[in-house]
N, C-alpha and C. Protein backbone atom coordinates (compact mmCIF):
# COMPACT_ATOMS: atom_id res chain seq x y z
N MET A 1 -14.67 8.66 -12.94
CA MET A 1 -15.63 9.37 -12.12
C MET A 1 -14.88 10.23 -11.11
N ARG A 2 -15.25 11.45 -11.01
CA ARG A 2 -14.63 12.38 -10.06
C ARG A 2 -15.56 12.59 -8.88
N LEU A 3 -14.99 12.47 -7.68
CA LEU A 3 -15.77 12.72 -6.47
C LEU A 3 -15.98 14.22 -6.29
N PRO A 4 -17.09 14.61 -5.69
CA PRO A 4 -17.26 16.02 -5.34
C PRO A 4 -16.12 16.45 -4.40
N ASP A 5 -15.69 17.68 -4.50
CA ASP A 5 -14.54 18.16 -3.72
C ASP A 5 -14.69 17.92 -2.23
N ASN A 6 -15.88 18.15 -1.67
CA ASN A 6 -16.04 17.99 -0.23
C ASN A 6 -15.87 16.52 0.18
N LEU A 7 -16.36 15.59 -0.64
CA LEU A 7 -16.19 14.17 -0.34
C LEU A 7 -14.74 13.75 -0.53
N TYR A 8 -14.12 14.21 -1.61
CA TYR A 8 -12.71 13.89 -1.87
C TYR A 8 -11.83 14.37 -0.71
N ASN A 9 -12.06 15.59 -0.25
CA ASN A 9 -11.26 16.13 0.86
C ASN A 9 -11.50 15.36 2.16
N ALA A 10 -12.70 14.81 2.32
CA ALA A 10 -13.00 14.03 3.53
C ALA A 10 -12.31 12.67 3.52
N VAL A 11 -12.18 12.05 2.35
CA VAL A 11 -11.60 10.70 2.30
C VAL A 11 -10.10 10.69 2.02
N LYS A 12 -9.57 11.80 1.60
CA LYS A 12 -8.15 11.85 1.25
C LYS A 12 -7.22 11.44 2.41
N PRO A 13 -7.39 11.98 3.63
CA PRO A 13 -6.47 11.58 4.71
C PRO A 13 -6.47 10.08 5.02
N PRO A 14 -7.63 9.43 5.16
CA PRO A 14 -7.57 7.99 5.47
C PRO A 14 -7.00 7.13 4.34
N PHE A 15 -7.05 7.63 3.11
CA PHE A 15 -6.58 6.84 1.97
C PHE A 15 -5.13 7.13 1.59
N LYS A 16 -4.47 8.06 2.25
CA LYS A 16 -3.12 8.45 1.84
C LYS A 16 -2.09 7.34 1.98
N HIS A 17 -2.39 6.35 2.82
CA HIS A 17 -1.44 5.25 3.03
C HIS A 17 -1.72 4.06 2.11
N HIS A 18 -2.73 4.16 1.29
CA HIS A 18 -3.14 3.03 0.47
C HIS A 18 -2.05 2.58 -0.50
N SER A 19 -1.54 3.46 -1.33
CA SER A 19 -0.51 3.09 -2.30
C SER A 19 0.78 2.62 -1.65
N PRO A 20 1.30 3.34 -0.63
CA PRO A 20 2.53 2.84 0.00
C PRO A 20 2.33 1.46 0.66
N TRP A 21 1.15 1.22 1.21
CA TRP A 21 0.89 -0.08 1.83
C TRP A 21 1.00 -1.19 0.79
N HIS A 22 0.37 -0.99 -0.38
CA HIS A 22 0.46 -1.99 -1.44
C HIS A 22 1.90 -2.16 -1.91
N LEU A 23 2.62 -1.08 -2.02
CA LEU A 23 4.03 -1.15 -2.43
C LEU A 23 4.84 -1.97 -1.44
N SER A 24 4.55 -1.83 -0.16
CA SER A 24 5.30 -2.55 0.87
C SER A 24 5.11 -4.06 0.80
N ARG A 25 4.07 -4.53 0.15
CA ARG A 25 3.79 -5.97 0.06
C ARG A 25 4.60 -6.65 -1.04
N LEU A 26 5.22 -5.87 -1.90
CA LEU A 26 6.03 -6.45 -2.97
C LEU A 26 7.43 -6.76 -2.45
N THR A 27 8.07 -7.74 -3.03
CA THR A 27 9.44 -8.06 -2.65
C THR A 27 10.40 -7.12 -3.39
N ARG A 28 11.60 -7.04 -2.90
CA ARG A 28 12.62 -6.22 -3.56
C ARG A 28 12.81 -6.68 -5.01
N GLU A 29 12.77 -7.99 -5.22
CA GLU A 29 12.92 -8.54 -6.57
C GLU A 29 11.77 -8.08 -7.48
N ASP A 30 10.55 -8.03 -6.92
CA ASP A 30 9.41 -7.53 -7.70
C ASP A 30 9.64 -6.08 -8.13
N ILE A 31 10.12 -5.28 -7.19
CA ILE A 31 10.36 -3.86 -7.49
C ILE A 31 11.45 -3.71 -8.54
N LEU A 32 12.53 -4.47 -8.39
CA LEU A 32 13.62 -4.40 -9.36
C LEU A 32 13.15 -4.80 -10.75
N ALA A 33 12.27 -5.77 -10.83
CA ALA A 33 11.77 -6.22 -12.12
C ALA A 33 10.80 -5.21 -12.74
N ARG A 34 10.05 -4.51 -11.90
CA ARG A 34 9.03 -3.57 -12.40
C ARG A 34 9.60 -2.19 -12.68
N ASN A 35 10.25 -1.62 -11.65
CA ASN A 35 10.76 -0.26 -11.79
C ASN A 35 11.79 0.00 -10.69
N PRO A 36 13.06 -0.22 -10.96
CA PRO A 36 14.10 -0.03 -9.94
C PRO A 36 14.11 1.37 -9.31
N ALA A 37 13.59 2.35 -10.01
CA ALA A 37 13.56 3.71 -9.45
C ALA A 37 12.64 3.80 -8.23
N LEU A 38 11.79 2.80 -8.03
CA LEU A 38 10.87 2.80 -6.88
C LEU A 38 11.51 2.29 -5.59
N ILE A 39 12.74 1.81 -5.67
CA ILE A 39 13.39 1.23 -4.48
C ILE A 39 13.36 2.18 -3.28
N PRO A 40 13.72 3.46 -3.40
CA PRO A 40 13.66 4.33 -2.21
C PRO A 40 12.25 4.43 -1.61
N ARG A 41 11.24 4.54 -2.46
CA ARG A 41 9.86 4.60 -1.96
C ARG A 41 9.47 3.28 -1.32
N TRP A 42 9.91 2.16 -1.92
CA TRP A 42 9.61 0.85 -1.37
C TRP A 42 10.26 0.69 0.01
N GLU A 43 11.51 1.13 0.14
CA GLU A 43 12.20 1.04 1.44
C GLU A 43 11.46 1.84 2.51
N GLU A 44 10.99 3.03 2.16
CA GLU A 44 10.21 3.84 3.10
C GLU A 44 8.92 3.12 3.48
N ALA A 45 8.25 2.55 2.49
CA ALA A 45 7.00 1.84 2.74
C ALA A 45 7.23 0.62 3.64
N ARG A 46 8.34 -0.10 3.42
CA ARG A 46 8.64 -1.27 4.25
C ARG A 46 8.92 -0.87 5.69
N GLU A 47 9.52 0.31 5.88
CA GLU A 47 9.75 0.81 7.24
C GLU A 47 8.42 1.18 7.92
N GLU A 48 7.55 1.80 7.16
CA GLU A 48 6.28 2.27 7.72
C GLU A 48 5.31 1.12 7.97
N PHE A 49 5.26 0.17 7.05
CA PHE A 49 4.31 -0.93 7.14
C PHE A 49 5.06 -2.25 7.23
N LYS A 50 4.90 -2.93 8.32
CA LYS A 50 5.53 -4.23 8.53
C LYS A 50 4.60 -5.31 7.99
N THR A 51 4.40 -5.30 6.68
CA THR A 51 3.46 -6.21 6.04
C THR A 51 4.11 -7.52 5.64
N LYS A 52 3.25 -8.48 5.38
CA LYS A 52 3.70 -9.73 4.78
C LYS A 52 3.83 -9.48 3.28
N PHE A 53 4.72 -10.23 2.65
CA PHE A 53 4.81 -10.14 1.20
C PHE A 53 3.62 -10.88 0.59
N LEU A 54 3.32 -10.58 -0.65
CA LEU A 54 2.14 -11.14 -1.32
C LEU A 54 2.12 -12.66 -1.31
N ASN A 55 3.26 -13.30 -1.37
CA ASN A 55 3.29 -14.75 -1.44
C ASN A 55 3.37 -15.43 -0.08
N GLU A 56 3.29 -14.68 1.01
CA GLU A 56 3.38 -15.26 2.34
C GLU A 56 2.01 -15.69 2.85
N VAL A 57 2.01 -16.75 3.63
CA VAL A 57 0.78 -17.22 4.26
C VAL A 57 0.25 -16.10 5.17
N GLY A 58 -1.04 -15.83 5.07
CA GLY A 58 -1.66 -14.80 5.90
C GLY A 58 -1.74 -13.44 5.24
N SER A 59 -1.14 -13.31 4.05
CA SER A 59 -1.15 -12.00 3.40
C SER A 59 -2.56 -11.61 2.94
N GLY A 60 -3.38 -12.60 2.59
CA GLY A 60 -4.76 -12.30 2.18
C GLY A 60 -5.58 -11.75 3.34
N GLU A 61 -5.42 -12.36 4.52
CA GLU A 61 -6.11 -11.87 5.70
C GLU A 61 -5.64 -10.45 6.05
N GLU A 62 -4.35 -10.22 5.93
CA GLU A 62 -3.79 -8.89 6.19
C GLU A 62 -4.37 -7.87 5.22
N PHE A 63 -4.51 -8.27 3.94
CA PHE A 63 -5.10 -7.41 2.92
C PHE A 63 -6.52 -7.01 3.31
N LEU A 64 -7.32 -7.97 3.68
CA LEU A 64 -8.72 -7.68 4.06
C LEU A 64 -8.79 -6.79 5.29
N ARG A 65 -7.97 -7.06 6.29
CA ARG A 65 -7.97 -6.26 7.52
C ARG A 65 -7.60 -4.80 7.22
N PHE A 66 -6.54 -4.59 6.44
CA PHE A 66 -6.11 -3.23 6.11
C PHE A 66 -7.22 -2.45 5.41
N HIS A 67 -7.83 -3.07 4.42
CA HIS A 67 -8.85 -2.36 3.66
C HIS A 67 -10.14 -2.14 4.47
N ARG A 68 -10.46 -3.06 5.32
CA ARG A 68 -11.62 -2.87 6.21
C ARG A 68 -11.40 -1.69 7.15
N GLU A 69 -10.20 -1.60 7.71
CA GLU A 69 -9.88 -0.48 8.60
C GLU A 69 -9.84 0.84 7.84
N MET A 70 -9.34 0.82 6.61
CA MET A 70 -9.25 2.03 5.82
C MET A 70 -10.64 2.57 5.51
N ILE A 71 -11.54 1.66 5.14
CA ILE A 71 -12.89 2.08 4.78
C ILE A 71 -13.66 2.47 6.02
């Protein structure tokens, strides 16, 4: 489904951090196992977002808070 251009342009700025935020939650080992070429992007994301890793206590709450604020 494609959003109408005016709606897409309205939501694009708040959503631009969505993918890097998710990337920052992965461990270095996860990135190496999936796609080592992503390491530079992952390092940038880790600098920008001081997130918990997916397996850390509290990461679910952090996930909900981030998405609530984004929406």
